[in-house]
């Protein structure tokens, strides 16, 4: 397990993505899975940066764990900001024309659709959001 604690700012999304990608490279993560993980980081860390401590900023920890058989990565985002469960929000109706949709929610919806698991809990004054993505199953890339 490796972790990075960094100020939750939009400017630090790149640093978080690079940190996670370093871990993924060690396991030869397939390009499609890496792209989906990068999008999830952008969305989830971006939400923490924009909303968790608003109008101030604060720290966020990103933890990366790798499981074997099947090879999967678990990324945990932890902050001490305002309690907020992004999974409790109703998924947007993507069948509606863009001009008729409510604002927001599309990024988290995309993360839900591309990750194998996503969970949220608020514990000990912390938002804990965890995503899991399988990188490889029995000799084949995902």
Protein backbone atom coordinates (compact mmCIF):
# COMPACT_ATOMS: atom_id res chain seq x y z
CA UNK A 1 0.00 0.00 0.00
CA UNK A 2 1.23 3.47 -0.90
CA UNK A 3 -0.36 6.76 -0.03
CA UNK A 4 -0.02 10.43 -0.79
CA UNK A 5 -1.36 13.25 1.36
CA UNK A 6 -1.66 16.48 -0.56
CA UNK A 7 -3.60 19.74 -0.44
CA UNK A 8 -7.00 19.16 -2.07
CA UNK A 9 -6.77 21.66 -4.93
CA UNK A 10 -7.65 21.36 -8.59
CA UNK A 11 -4.01 22.12 -9.40
CA UNK A 12 -2.97 18.93 -7.59
CA UNK A 13 -5.08 16.57 -9.72
CA UNK A 14 -2.05 16.05 -11.98
CA UNK A 15 0.20 15.15 -9.04
CA UNK A 16 -2.37 12.64 -7.75
CA UNK A 17 -2.79 11.10 -11.21
CA UNK A 18 0.99 10.76 -11.62
CA UNK A 19 1.27 9.17 -8.15
CA UNK A 20 -1.38 6.55 -9.00
CA UNK A 21 0.03 5.95 -12.48
CA UNK A 22 3.46 5.18 -10.99
CA UNK A 23 1.83 2.36 -9.03
CA UNK A 24 -0.08 1.11 -12.08
CA UNK A 25 3.04 1.02 -14.26
CA UNK A 26 4.65 -1.47 -11.88
CA UNK A 27 1.82 -3.88 -12.74
CA UNK A 28 1.68 -3.18 -16.49
CA UNK A 29 -1.85 -1.81 -16.29
CA UNK A 30 -3.68 -2.04 -19.64
CA UNK A 31 -4.22 1.34 -21.37
CA UNK A 32 -8.04 1.17 -21.26
CA UNK A 33 -8.11 0.51 -17.50
CA UNK A 34 -5.50 3.24 -16.92
CA UNK A 35 -7.56 5.76 -18.88
CA UNK A 36 -10.70 4.88 -16.90
CA UNK A 37 -8.79 5.19 -13.61
CA UNK A 38 -7.33 8.55 -14.68
CA UNK A 39 -10.83 9.86 -15.45
CA UNK A 40 -12.06 8.62 -12.06
CA UNK A 41 -9.17 10.39 -10.28
CA UNK A 42 -9.89 13.61 -12.15
CA UNK A 43 -13.55 13.48 -11.20
CA UNK A 44 -13.27 12.30 -7.60
CA UNK A 45 -10.23 14.31 -6.50
CA UNK A 46 -11.62 17.30 -8.41
CA UNK A 47 -14.86 17.06 -6.42
CA UNK A 48 -12.92 16.93 -3.15
CA UNK A 49 -10.88 19.95 -4.26
CA UNK A 50 -13.94 21.97 -5.23
CA UNK A 51 -16.43 21.07 -2.52
CA UNK A 52 -15.02 19.32 0.56
CA UNK A 53 -13.49 22.34 2.26
CA UNK A 54 -15.26 25.14 0.35
CA UNK A 55 -14.43 28.01 0.58
CA UNK A 56 -11.11 26.93 2.13
CA UNK A 57 -8.76 24.08 1.24
CA UNK A 58 -7.52 21.15 3.26
CA UNK A 59 -5.63 17.89 2.94
CA UNK A 60 -6.69 14.77 1.11
CA UNK A 61 -5.06 11.36 1.21
CA UNK A 62 -5.01 9.04 -1.78
CA UNK A 63 -4.19 5.42 -0.96
CA UNK A 64 -3.31 2.84 -3.62
CA UNK A 65 -3.51 -0.89 -2.94
CA UNK A 66 -3.07 -3.74 -5.41
CA UNK A 67 -4.73 -7.14 -5.15
CA UNK A 68 -3.68 -10.29 -6.98
CA UNK A 69 -5.88 -12.91 -8.71
CA UNK A 70 -7.48 -11.12 -10.38
CA UNK A 71 -5.04 -8.23 -10.56
CA UNK A 72 -6.94 -5.16 -9.34
CA UNK A 73 -6.22 -1.72 -7.95
CA UNK A 74 -8.10 -0.18 -5.04
CA UNK A 75 -7.83 3.59 -4.70
CA UNK A 76 -9.13 5.24 -1.56
CA UNK A 77 -9.75 8.99 -1.29
CA UNK A 78 -9.88 10.35 2.26
CA UNK A 79 -10.66 13.91 3.33
CA UNK A 80 -11.80 15.70 6.47
CA UNK A 81 -14.19 18.02 4.64
CA UNK A 82 -17.94 18.31 4.81
CA UNK A 83 -19.68 14.92 4.95
CA UNK A 84 -20.96 14.10 1.46
CA UNK A 85 -21.90 10.80 -0.13
CA UNK A 86 -21.69 11.25 -3.91
CA UNK A 87 -23.26 7.82 -4.37
CA UNK A 88 -26.51 8.92 -2.73
CA UNK A 89 -27.27 11.30 -5.58
CA UNK A 90 -29.68 10.00 -8.21
CA UNK A 91 -27.98 9.08 -11.48
CA UNK A 92 -28.62 11.56 -14.28
CA UNK A 93 -31.11 10.59 -16.99
CA UNK A 94 -28.71 10.29 -19.91
CA UNK A 95 -31.63 9.57 -22.26
CA UNK A 96 -32.78 13.20 -22.00
CA UNK A 97 -31.41 15.84 -24.36
CA UNK A 98 -28.49 17.74 -22.81
CA UNK A 99 -30.51 20.95 -22.40
CA UNK A 100 -33.14 19.09 -20.33
CA UNK A 101 -30.74 17.40 -17.89
CA UNK A 102 -30.04 18.64 -14.38
CA UNK A 103 -26.56 20.07 -13.87
CA UNK A 104 -23.93 17.89 -12.22
CA UNK A 105 -23.68 14.22 -11.41
CA UNK A 106 -22.44 13.04 -14.80
CA UNK A 107 -18.82 12.57 -13.64
CA UNK A 108 -19.71 10.36 -10.67
CA UNK A 109 -22.14 8.46 -12.93
CA UNK A 110 -19.26 7.79 -15.35
CA UNK A 111 -17.06 6.59 -12.48
CA UNK A 112 -19.83 4.22 -11.34
CA UNK A 113 -20.11 2.79 -14.85
CA UNK A 114 -16.35 2.26 -15.41
CA UNK A 115 -15.17 1.00 -12.01
CA UNK A 116 -15.90 -2.52 -10.78
CA UNK A 117 -16.78 -1.30 -7.29
CA UNK A 118 -17.30 2.06 -5.63
CA UNK A 119 -18.17 2.66 -2.00
CA UNK A 120 -18.49 5.57 0.41
CA UNK A 121 -18.52 5.90 4.17
CA UNK A 122 -18.20 8.74 6.65
CA UNK A 123 -16.19 7.58 9.65
CA UNK A 124 -14.25 9.38 12.38
CA UNK A 125 -14.81 12.77 10.76
CA UNK A 126 -13.59 11.56 7.37
CA UNK A 127 -15.14 11.05 3.95
CA UNK A 128 -13.79 7.75 2.64
CA UNK A 129 -14.49 6.98 -1.01
CA UNK A 130 -13.07 3.77 -2.45
CA UNK A 131 -12.94 2.58 -6.05
CA UNK A 132 -11.78 -0.80 -7.35
CA UNK A 133 -10.78 -1.60 -10.91
CA UNK A 134 -9.71 -5.00 -12.22
CA UNK A 135 -6.63 -4.66 -14.41
CA UNK A 136 -6.19 -8.23 -15.55
CA UNK A 137 -8.02 -11.54 -15.22
CA UNK A 138 -6.36 -14.91 -15.75
CA UNK A 139 -3.80 -13.77 -18.29
CA UNK A 140 -5.94 -11.32 -20.23
CA UNK A 141 -6.10 -7.55 -20.09
CA UNK A 142 -9.31 -5.75 -19.22
